[in-house]
Structure formats: C-alpha cells, structure tokens
PDB file of all heavy atoms in Angstrom:
ATOM      1  N   SER A   1     -48.253  63.296-147.232  1.00  0.00           N
ATOM      2  CA  SER A   1     -48.158  62.736-145.883  1.00  0.00           C
ATOM      3  C   SER A   1     -47.061  61.701-145.672  1.00  0.00           C
ATOM      4  O   SER A   1     -46.615  61.452-144.574  1.00  0.00           O
ATOM      5  CB  SER A   1     -49.485  62.110-145.501  1.00  0.00           C
ATOM      6  OG  SER A   1     -49.747  60.953-146.278  1.00  0.00           O
ATOM      7  N   GLY A   2     -46.671  61.034-146.760  1.00  0.00           N
ATOM      8  CA  GLY A   2     -45.704  59.901-146.621  1.00  0.00           C
ATOM      9  C   GLY A   2     -46.418  58.631-146.263  1.00  0.00           C
ATOM     10  O   GLY A   2     -45.770  57.572-146.248  1.00  0.00           O
ATOM     11  N   ASP A   3     -47.725  58.683-146.047  1.00  0.00           N
ATOM     12  CA  ASP A   3     -48.515  57.484-145.813  1.00  0.00           C
ATOM     13  C   ASP A   3     -48.996  56.923-147.138  1.00  0.00           C
ATOM     14  O   ASP A   3     -49.373  57.659-148.026  1.00  0.00           O
ATOM     15  CB  ASP A   3     -49.716  57.771-144.893  1.00  0.00           C
ATOM     16  CG  ASP A   3     -49.297  57.996-143.458  1.00  0.00           C
ATOM     17  OD1 ASP A   3     -48.417  57.263-142.974  1.00  0.00           O
ATOM     18  OD2 ASP A   3     -49.817  58.917-142.841  1.00  0.00           O
ATOM     19  N   ILE A   4     -49.001  55.595-147.237  1.00  0.00           N
ATOM     20  CA  ILE A   4     -49.496  54.910-148.432  1.00  0.00           C
ATOM     21  C   ILE A   4     -50.898  54.381-148.138  1.00  0.00           C
ATOM     22  O   ILE A   4     -51.179  53.817-147.081  1.00  0.00           O
ATOM     23  CB  ILE A   4     -48.574  53.762-148.821  1.00  0.00           C
ATOM     24  CG1 ILE A   4     -47.173  54.299-149.187  1.00  0.00           C
ATOM     25  CG2 ILE A   4     -49.139  52.981-150.023  1.00  0.00           C
ATOM     26  CD1 ILE A   4     -47.149  55.185-150.350  1.00  0.00           C
ATOM     27  N   GLY A   5     -51.810  54.571-149.074  1.00  0.00           N
ATOM     28  CA  GLY A   5     -53.166  54.087-148.856  1.00  0.00           C
ATOM     29  C   GLY A   5     -54.016  54.233-150.091  1.00  0.00           C
ATOM     30  O   GLY A   5     -53.526  54.533-151.178  1.00  0.00           O
ATOM     31  N   TYR A   6     -55.333  54.105-149.932  1.00  0.00           N
ATOM     32  CA  TYR A   6     -56.258  54.248-151.062  1.00  0.00           C
ATOM     33  C   TYR A   6     -57.625  54.743-150.573  1.00  0.00           C
ATOM     34  O   TYR A   6     -57.937  54.676-149.354  1.00  0.00           O
ATOM     35  CB  TYR A   6     -56.415  52.918-151.793  1.00  0.00           C
ATOM     36  CG  TYR A   6     -57.040  51.818-150.998  1.00  0.00           C
ATOM     37  CD1 TYR A   6     -58.415  51.609-150.979  1.00  0.00           C
ATOM     38  CD2 TYR A   6     -56.247  50.913-150.245  1.00  0.00           C
ATOM     39  CE1 TYR A   6     -59.017  50.592-150.202  1.00  0.00           C
ATOM     40  CE2 TYR A   6     -56.798  49.891-149.518  1.00  0.00           C
ATOM     41  CZ  TYR A   6     -58.186  49.741-149.513  1.00  0.00           C
ATOM     42  OH  TYR A   6     -58.757  48.731-148.746  1.00  0.00           O
ATOM     43  N   LEU A   7     -58.411  55.227-151.467  1.00  0.00           N
ATOM     44  CA  LEU A   7     -59.779  55.645-151.224  1.00  0.00           C
ATOM     45  C   LEU A   7     -60.717  54.583-151.849  1.00  0.00           C
ATOM     46  O   LEU A   7     -60.482  54.154-152.979  1.00  0.00           O
ATOM     47  CB  LEU A   7     -60.081  56.992-151.883  1.00  0.00           C
ATOM     48  CG  LEU A   7     -59.483  58.242-151.226  1.00  0.00           C
ATOM     49  CD1 LEU A   7     -59.588  59.405-152.206  1.00  0.00           C
ATOM     50  CD2 LEU A   7     -60.208  58.568-149.950  1.00  0.00           C
ATOM     51  N   ASP A   8     -61.730  54.148-151.085  1.00  0.00           N
ATOM     52  CA  ASP A   8     -62.667  53.215-151.682  1.00  0.00           C
ATOM     53  C   ASP A   8     -63.775  53.990-152.438  1.00  0.00           C
ATOM     54  O   ASP A   8     -63.743  55.250-152.511  1.00  0.00           O
ATOM     55  CB  ASP A   8     -63.253  52.230-150.664  1.00  0.00           C
ATOM     56  CG  ASP A   8     -64.212  52.891-149.690  1.00  0.00           C
ATOM     57  OD1 ASP A   8     -64.515  54.105-149.835  1.00  0.00           O
ATOM     58  OD2 ASP A   8     -64.658  52.241-148.740  1.00  0.00           O
ATOM     59  N   SER A   9     -64.727  53.293-153.024  1.00  0.00           N
ATOM     60  CA  SER A   9     -65.723  53.931-153.844  1.00  0.00           C
ATOM     61  C   SER A   9     -66.661  54.837-153.030  1.00  0.00           C
ATOM     62  O   SER A   9     -67.324  55.687-153.600  1.00  0.00           O
ATOM     63  CB  SER A   9     -66.582  52.858-154.563  1.00  0.00           C
ATOM     64  OG  SER A   9     -67.118  51.959-153.571  1.00  0.00           O
ATOM     65  N   ASP A  10     -66.672  54.681-151.691  1.00  0.00           N
ATOM     66  CA  ASP A  10     -67.499  55.533-150.820  1.00  0.00           C
ATOM     67  C   ASP A  10     -66.752  56.692-150.261  1.00  0.00           C
ATOM     68  O   ASP A  10     -67.289  57.487-149.469  1.00  0.00           O
ATOM     69  CB  ASP A  10     -68.073  54.710-149.662  1.00  0.00           C
ATOM     70  CG  ASP A  10     -69.014  53.637-150.094  1.00  0.00           C
ATOM     71  OD1 ASP A  10     -69.768  53.856-151.088  1.00  0.00           O
ATOM     72  OD2 ASP A  10     -68.990  52.515-149.534  1.00  0.00           O
ATOM     73  N   GLY A  11     -65.431  56.834-150.622  1.00  0.00           N
ATOM     74  CA  GLY A  11     -64.664  57.944-150.114  1.00  0.00           C
ATOM     75  C   GLY A  11     -63.968  57.691-148.783  1.00  0.00           C
ATOM     76  O   GLY A  11     -63.403  58.615-148.184  1.00  0.00           O
ATOM     77  N   TYR A  12     -63.968  56.443-148.302  1.00  0.00           N
ATOM     78  CA  TYR A  12     -63.316  56.104-147.048  1.00  0.00           C
ATOM     79  C   TYR A  12     -61.800  55.894-147.324  1.00  0.00           C
ATOM     80  O   TYR A  12     -61.407  55.323-148.349  1.00  0.00           O
ATOM     81  CB  TYR A  12     -63.885  54.811-146.460  1.00  0.00           C
ATOM     82  CG  TYR A  12     -65.194  55.009-145.772  1.00  0.00           C
ATOM     83  CD1 TYR A  12     -66.382  55.202-146.499  1.00  0.00           C
ATOM     84  CD2 TYR A  12     -65.285  54.967-144.370  1.00  0.00           C
ATOM     85  CE1 TYR A  12     -67.587  55.370-145.858  1.00  0.00           C
ATOM     86  CE2 TYR A  12     -66.524  55.127-143.746  1.00  0.00           C
ATOM     87  CZ  TYR A  12     -67.666  55.324-144.466  1.00  0.00           C
ATOM     88  OH  TYR A  12     -68.848  55.500-143.848  1.00  0.00           O
ATOM     89  N   VAL A  13     -60.977  56.391-146.420  1.00  0.00           N
ATOM     90  CA  VAL A  13     -59.542  56.264-146.542  1.00  0.00           C
ATOM     91  C   VAL A  13     -59.039  55.001-145.851  1.00  0.00           C
ATOM     92  O   VAL A  13     -59.393  54.740-144.703  1.00  0.00           O
ATOM     93  CB  VAL A  13     -58.822  57.490-145.951  1.00  0.00           C
ATOM     94  CG1 VAL A  13     -57.286  57.361-146.081  1.00  0.00           C
ATOM     95  CG2 VAL A  13     -59.300  58.775-146.623  1.00  0.00           C
ATOM     96  N   PHE A  14     -58.192  54.260-146.546  1.00  0.00           N
ATOM     97  CA  PHE A  14     -57.548  53.081-145.974  1.00  0.00           C
ATOM     98  C   PHE A  14     -56.025  53.301-146.043  1.00  0.00           C
ATOM     99  O   PHE A  14     -55.516  53.614-147.122  1.00  0.00           O
ATOM    100  CB  PHE A  14     -57.937  51.805-146.731  1.00  0.00           C
ATOM    101  CG  PHE A  14     -59.362  51.374-146.511  1.00  0.00           C
ATOM    102  CD1 PHE A  14     -60.393  52.008-147.162  1.00  0.00           C
ATOM    103  CD2 PHE A  14     -59.630  50.323-145.619  1.00  0.00           C
ATOM    104  CE1 PHE A  14     -61.738  51.620-146.972  1.00  0.00           C
ATOM    105  CE2 PHE A  14     -60.959  49.938-145.410  1.00  0.00           C
ATOM    106  CZ  PHE A  14     -62.009  50.572-146.098  1.00  0.00           C
ATOM    107  N   ILE A  15     -55.342  53.132-144.918  1.00  0.00           N
ATOM    108  CA  ILE A  15     -53.865  53.279-144.874  1.00  0.00           C
ATOM    109  C   ILE A  15     -53.234  51.915-144.886  1.00  0.00           C
ATOM    110  O   ILE A  15     -53.561  51.037-144.093  1.00  0.00           O
ATOM    111  CB  ILE A  15     -53.459  54.074-143.674  1.00  0.00           C
ATOM    112  CG1 ILE A  15     -54.071  55.481-143.722  1.00  0.00           C
ATOM    113  CG2 ILE A  15     -51.926  54.204-143.578  1.00  0.00           C
ATOM    114  CD1 ILE A  15     -53.846  56.321-142.483  1.00  0.00           C
ATOM    115  N   THR A  16     -52.290  51.695-145.745  1.00  0.00           N
ATOM    116  CA  THR A  16     -51.634  50.411-145.913  1.00  0.00           C
ATOM    117  C   THR A  16     -50.178  50.373-145.567  1.00  0.00           C
ATOM    118  O   THR A  16     -49.592  49.323-145.403  1.00  0.00           O
ATOM    119  CB  THR A  16     -51.853  49.877-147.376  1.00  0.00           C
ATOM    120  OG1 THR A  16     -51.297  50.879-148.301  1.00  0.00           O
ATOM    121  CG2 THR A  16     -53.304  49.663-147.687  1.00  0.00           C
ATOM    122  N   GLY A  17     -49.539  51.537-145.426  1.00  0.00           N
ATOM    123  CA  GLY A  17     -48.110  51.547-145.076  1.00  0.00           C
ATOM    124  C   GLY A  17     -47.524  52.949-145.052  1.00  0.00           C
ATOM    125  O   GLY A  17     -48.278  53.949-145.126  1.00  0.00           O
ATOM    126  N   ARG A  18     -46.209  53.018-144.962  1.00  0.00           N
ATOM    127  CA  ARG A  18     -45.482  54.287-144.927  1.00  0.00           C
ATOM    128  C   ARG A  18     -44.504  54.331-146.068  1.00  0.00           C
ATOM    129  O   ARG A  18     -43.828  53.372-146.360  1.00  0.00           O
ATOM    130  CB  ARG A  18     -44.718  54.447-143.616  1.00  0.00           C
ATOM    131  CG  ARG A  18     -45.531  54.964-142.444  1.00  0.00           C
ATOM    132  CD  ARG A  18     -45.935  56.403-142.555  1.00  0.00           C
ATOM    133  NE  ARG A  18     -44.809  57.328-142.503  1.00  0.00           N
ATOM    134  CZ  ARG A  18     -44.922  58.651-142.676  1.00  0.00           C
ATOM    135  NH1 ARG A  18     -46.089  59.161-143.004  1.00  0.00           N
ATOM    136  NH2 ARG A  18     -43.883  59.431-142.602  1.00  0.00           N
ATOM    137  N   LEU A  19     -44.460  55.511-146.696  1.00  0.00           N
ATOM    138  CA  LEU A  19     -43.482  55.717-147.769  1.00  0.00           C
ATOM    139  C   LEU A  19     -42.095  55.724-147.197  1.00  0.00           C
ATOM    140  O   LEU A  19     -41.128  55.158-147.720  1.00  0.00           O
ATOM    141  CB  LEU A  19     -43.759  57.047-148.502  1.00  0.00           C
ATOM    142  CG  LEU A  19     -43.113  57.271-149.867  1.00  0.00           C
ATOM    143  CD1 LEU A  19     -43.548  56.210-150.849  1.00  0.00           C
ATOM    144  CD2 LEU A  19     -43.466  58.644-150.378  1.00  0.00           C
ATOM    145  N   LYS A  20     -41.945  56.364-146.023  1.00  0.00           N
ATOM    146  CA  LYS A  20     -40.667  56.387-145.313  1.00  0.00           C
ATOM    147  C   LYS A  20     -40.635  55.250-144.359  1.00  0.00           C
ATOM    148  O   LYS A  20     -41.648  54.755-143.909  1.00  0.00           O
ATOM    149  CB  LYS A  20     -40.492  57.726-144.568  1.00  0.00           C
ATOM    150  CG  LYS A  20     -40.431  58.945-145.448  1.00  0.00           C
ATOM    151  CD  LYS A  20     -40.344  60.207-144.603  1.00  0.00           C
ATOM    152  CE  LYS A  20     -40.288  61.458-145.496  1.00  0.00           C
ATOM    153  NZ  LYS A  20     -40.227  62.684-144.675  1.00  0.00           N
ATOM    154  N   GLU A  21     -39.467  54.842-144.021  1.00  0.00           N
ATOM    155  CA  GLU A  21     -39.314  53.696-143.100  1.00  0.00           C
ATOM    156  C   GLU A  21     -39.378  54.180-141.672  1.00  0.00           C
ATOM    157  O   GLU A  21     -38.395  54.578-141.047  1.00  0.00           O
ATOM    158  CB  GLU A  21     -37.971  52.980-143.346  1.00  0.00           C
ATOM    159  CG  GLU A  21     -37.920  52.297-144.680  1.00  0.00           C
ATOM    160  CD  GLU A  21     -36.591  51.556-144.892  1.00  0.00           C
ATOM    161  OE1 GLU A  21     -35.696  51.732-144.072  1.00  0.00           O
ATOM    162  OE2 GLU A  21     -36.528  50.819-145.904  1.00  0.00           O
ATOM    163  N   VAL A  22     -40.605  54.195-141.156  1.00  0.00           N
ATOM    164  CA  VAL A  22     -40.809  54.521-139.739  1.00  0.00           C
ATOM    165  C   VAL A  22     -41.702  53.481-139.131  1.00  0.00           C
ATOM    166  O   VAL A  22     -42.650  53.022-139.748  1.00  0.00           O
ATOM    167  CB  VAL A  22     -41.459  55.917-139.563  1.00  0.00           C
ATOM    168  CG1 VAL A  22     -42.753  56.040-140.317  1.00  0.00           C
ATOM    169  CG2 VAL A  22     -41.636  56.304-138.114  1.00  0.00           C
ATOM    170  N   ILE A  23     -41.345  53.032-137.927  1.00  0.00           N
ATOM    171  CA  ILE A  23     -42.118  51.978-137.248  1.00  0.00           C
ATOM    172  C   ILE A  23     -43.006  52.678-136.206  1.00  0.00           C
ATOM    173  O   ILE A  23     -42.503  53.369-135.305  1.00  0.00           O
ATOM    174  CB  ILE A  23     -41.176  50.991-136.562  1.00  0.00           C
ATOM    175  CG1 ILE A  23     -40.248  50.328-137.594  1.00  0.00           C
ATOM    176  CG2 ILE A  23     -41.970  49.907-135.839  1.00  0.00           C
ATOM    177  CD1 ILE A  23     -39.065  49.580-137.002  1.00  0.00           C
ATOM    178  N   VAL A  24     -44.321  52.504-136.310  1.00  0.00           N
ATOM    179  CA  VAL A  24     -45.270  53.121-135.391  1.00  0.00           C
ATOM    180  C   VAL A  24     -45.793  51.993-134.487  1.00  0.00           C
ATOM    181  O   VAL A  24     -46.415  51.060-134.923  1.00  0.00           O
ATOM    182  CB  VAL A  24     -46.447  53.772-136.111  1.00  0.00           C
ATOM    183  CG1 VAL A  24     -47.397  54.443-135.127  1.00  0.00           C
ATOM    184  CG2 VAL A  24     -45.938  54.797-137.130  1.00  0.00           C
ATOM    185  N   LEU A  25     -45.470  52.099-133.191  1.00  0.00           N
ATOM    186  CA  LEU A  25     -45.954  51.121-132.238  1.00  0.00           C
ATOM    187  C   LEU A  25     -47.445  51.319-131.969  1.00  0.00           C
ATOM    188  O   LEU A  25     -48.001  52.373-132.278  1.00  0.00           O
ATOM    189  CB  LEU A  25     -45.191  51.248-130.912  1.00  0.00           C
ATOM    190  CG  LEU A  25     -43.669  51.139-130.957  1.00  0.00           C
ATOM    191  CD1 LEU A  25     -43.065  51.181-129.571  1.00  0.00           C
ATOM    192  CD2 LEU A  25     -43.241  49.863-131.685  1.00  0.00           C
ATOM    193  N   SER A  26     -48.101  50.334-131.410  1.00  0.00           N
ATOM    194  CA  SER A  26     -49.530  50.405-131.180  1.00  0.00           C
ATOM    195  C   SER A  26     -49.877  51.484-130.163  1.00  0.00           C
ATOM    196  O   SER A  26     -51.033  51.905-130.030  1.00  0.00           O
ATOM    197  CB  SER A  26     -50.079  49.045-130.687  1.00  0.00           C
ATOM    198  OG  SER A  26     -49.421  48.653-129.486  1.00  0.00           O
ATOM    199  N   SER A  27     -48.875  51.955-129.393  1.00  0.00           N
ATOM    200  CA  SER A  27     -49.075  53.061-128.448  1.00  0.00           C
ATOM    201  C   SER A  27     -49.099  54.434-129.139  1.00  0.00           C
ATOM    202  O   SER A  27     -49.386  55.434-128.514  1.00  0.00           O
ATOM    203  CB  SER A  27     -47.992  53.029-127.384  1.00  0.00           C
ATOM    204  OG  SER A  27     -46.718  53.279-127.991  1.00  0.00           O
ATOM    205  N   GLY A  28     -48.733  54.450-130.427  1.00  0.00           N
ATOM    206  CA  GLY A  28     -48.639  55.702-131.159  1.00  0.00           C
ATOM    207  C   GLY A  28     -47.224  56.246-131.197  1.00  0.00           C
ATOM    208  O   GLY A  28     -46.968  57.217-131.859  1.00  0.00           O
ATOM    209  N   LYS A  29     -46.297  55.590-130.523  1.00  0.00           N
ATOM    210  CA  LYS A  29     -44.897  56.013-130.487  1.00  0.00           C
ATOM    211  C   LYS A  29     -44.214  55.729-131.828  1.00  0.00           C
ATOM    212  O   LYS A  29     -44.335  54.636-132.358  1.00  0.00           O
ATOM    213  CB  LYS A  29     -44.161  55.271-129.362  1.00  0.00           C
ATOM    214  CG  LYS A  29     -42.704  55.583-129.242  1.00  0.00           C
ATOM    215  CD  LYS A  29     -42.440  56.919-128.599  1.00  0.00           C
ATOM    216  CE  LYS A  29     -40.958  57.159-128.318  1.00  0.00           C
ATOM    217  NZ  LYS A  29     -40.731  58.454-127.701  1.00  0.00           N
ATOM    218  N   ASN A  30     -43.544  56.741-132.381  1.00  0.00           N
ATOM    219  CA  ASN A  30     -42.791  56.569-133.631  1.00  0.00           C
ATOM    220  C   ASN A  30     -41.369  56.110-133.357  1.00  0.00           C
ATOM    221  O   ASN A  30     -40.673  56.711-132.539  1.00  0.00           O
ATOM    222  CB  ASN A  30     -42.758  57.884-134.415  1.00  0.00           C
ATOM    223  CG  ASN A  30     -44.101  58.225-135.000  1.00  0.00           C
ATOM    224  OD1 ASN A  30     -44.988  57.367-135.061  1.00  0.00           O
ATOM    225  ND2 ASN A  30     -44.261  59.447-135.434  1.00  0.00           N
ATOM    226  N   ILE A  31     -40.945  55.030-134.012  1.00  0.00           N
ATOM    227  CA  ILE A  31     -39.586  54.555-133.920  1.00  0.00           C
ATOM    228  C   ILE A  31     -38.894  54.790-135.241  1.00  0.00           C
ATOM    229  O   ILE A  31     -39.360  54.243-136.269  1.00  0.00           O
ATOM    230  CB  ILE A  31     -39.511  53.061-133.551  1.00  0.00           C
ATOM    231  CG1 ILE A  31     -40.260  52.759-132.226  1.00  0.00           C
ATOM    232  CG2 ILE A  31     -38.096  52.584-133.464  1.00  0.00           C
ATOM    233  CD1 ILE A  31     -39.677  53.455-131.017  1.00  0.00           C
ATOM    234  N   TYR A  32     -37.858  55.594-135.248  1.00  0.00           N
ATOM    235  CA  TYR A  32     -37.141  55.902-136.493  1.00  0.00           C
ATOM    236  C   TYR A  32     -35.899  55.001-136.573  1.00  0.00           C
ATOM    237  O   TYR A  32     -34.951  55.218-135.811  1.00  0.00           O
ATOM    238  CB  TYR A  32     -36.752  57.401-136.521  1.00  0.00           C
ATOM    239  CG  TYR A  32     -37.989  58.264-136.572  1.00  0.00           C
ATOM    240  CD1 TYR A  32     -38.616  58.653-135.396  1.00  0.00           C
ATOM    241  CD2 TYR A  32     -38.528  58.694-137.762  1.00  0.00           C
ATOM    242  CE1 TYR A  32     -39.764  59.447-135.421  1.00  0.00           C
ATOM    243  CE2 TYR A  32     -39.656  59.477-137.796  1.00  0.00           C
ATOM    244  CZ  TYR A  32     -40.262  59.847-136.624  1.00  0.00           C
ATOM    245  OH  TYR A  32     -41.392  60.608-136.659  1.00  0.00           O
ATOM    246  N   PRO A  33     -35.908  54.035-137.488  1.00  0.00           N
ATOM    247  CA  PRO A  33     -34.819  53.051-137.566  1.00  0.00           C
ATOM    248  C   PRO A  33     -33.450  53.677-137.672  1.00  0.00           C
ATOM    249  O   PRO A  33     -32.514  53.213-137.068  1.00  0.00           O
ATOM    250  CB  PRO A  33     -35.157  52.265-138.822  1.00  0.00           C
ATOM    251  CG  PRO A  33     -36.633  52.379-138.962  1.00  0.00           C
ATOM    252  CD  PRO A  33     -36.983  53.739-138.455  1.00  0.00           C
ATOM    253  N   GLU A  34     -33.347  54.766-138.423  1.00  0.00           N
ATOM    254  CA  GLU A  34     -32.044  55.422-138.613  1.00  0.00           C
ATOM    255  C   GLU A  34     -31.426  55.904-137.286  1.00  0.00           C
ATOM    256  O   GLU A  34     -30.258  55.750-137.034  1.00  0.00           O
ATOM    257  CB  GLU A  34     -32.175  56.602-139.596  1.00  0.00           C
ATOM    258  CG  GLU A  34     -30.841  57.235-139.929  1.00  0.00           C
ATOM    259  CD  GLU A  34     -30.998  58.379-140.949  1.00  0.00           C
ATOM    260  OE1 GLU A  34     -32.114  58.562-141.474  1.00  0.00           O
ATOM    261  OE2 GLU A  34     -30.017  59.098-141.169  1.00  0.00           O
ATOM    262  N   GLU A  35     -32.310  56.440-136.418  1.00  0.00           N
ATOM    263  CA  GLU A  35     -31.834  56.931-135.131  1.00  0.00           C
ATOM    264  C   GLU A  35     -31.407  55.779-134.228  1.00  0.00           C
ATOM    265  O   GLU A  35     -30.397  55.878-133.500  1.00  0.00           O
ATOM    266  CB  GLU A  35     -32.914  57.778-134.478  1.00  0.00           C
ATOM    267  CG  GLU A  35     -33.239  59.052-135.205  1.00  0.00           C
ATOM    268  CD  GLU A  35     -34.212  59.976-134.495  1.00  0.00           C
ATOM    269  OE1 GLU A  35     -34.739  59.540-133.457  1.00  0.00           O
ATOM    270  OE2 GLU A  35     -34.429  61.065-134.955  1.00  0.00           O
ATOM    271  N   VAL A  36     -32.134  54.657-134.279  1.00  0.00           N
ATOM    272  CA  VAL A  36     -31.766  53.489-133.463  1.00  0.00           C
ATOM    273  C   VAL A  36     -30.454  52.925-133.976  1.00  0.00           C
ATOM    274  O   VAL A  36     -29.574  52.510-133.210  1.00  0.00           O
ATOM    275  CB  VAL A  36     -32.893  52.446-133.507  1.00  0.00           C
ATOM    276  CG1 VAL A  36     -32.514  51.208-132.728  1.00  0.00           C
ATOM    277  CG2 VAL A  36     -34.209  53.028-132.961  1.00  0.00           C
ATOM    278  N   GLU A  37     -30.325  52.878-135.304  1.00  0.00           N
ATOM    279  CA  GLU A  37     -29.128  52.315-135.921  1.00  0.00           C
ATOM    280  C   GLU A  37     -27.878  53.118-135.524  1.00  0.00           C
ATOM    281  O   GLU A  37     -26.800  52.530-135.271  1.00  0.00           O
ATOM    282  CB  GLU A  37     -29.273  52.290-137.437  1.00  0.00           C
ATOM    283  CG  GLU A  37     -30.250  51.232-137.932  1.00  0.00           C
ATOM    284  CD  GLU A  37     -30.634  51.417-139.392  1.00  0.00           C
ATOM    285  OE1 GLU A  37     -30.079  52.328-140.042  1.00  0.00           O
ATOM    286  OE2 GLU A  37     -31.481  50.638-139.870  1.00  0.00           O
TER     287      GLU A  37
END
C-alpha cells in the first residue's frame, strides 16, 4: 500500500505515515509534492 503502520495484539490496524511523500488533507484530497514543485 505504501502506508506505514502496525497491527496491535487484537488485530487492529494503526496507520502512522506514508512510505511515499504524499500529503493527504483532512478532506481526503491528495497533494503530491512533486507535481506542486
């Protein structure tokens, strides 16, 4: 997926970041730094 995260002992998924540099706004909009640059 390119998402960084972990599974807890109960099998719940926690997402902590992105492997690729993409900025996700709270609206769900993806901002790709390379394209803005």
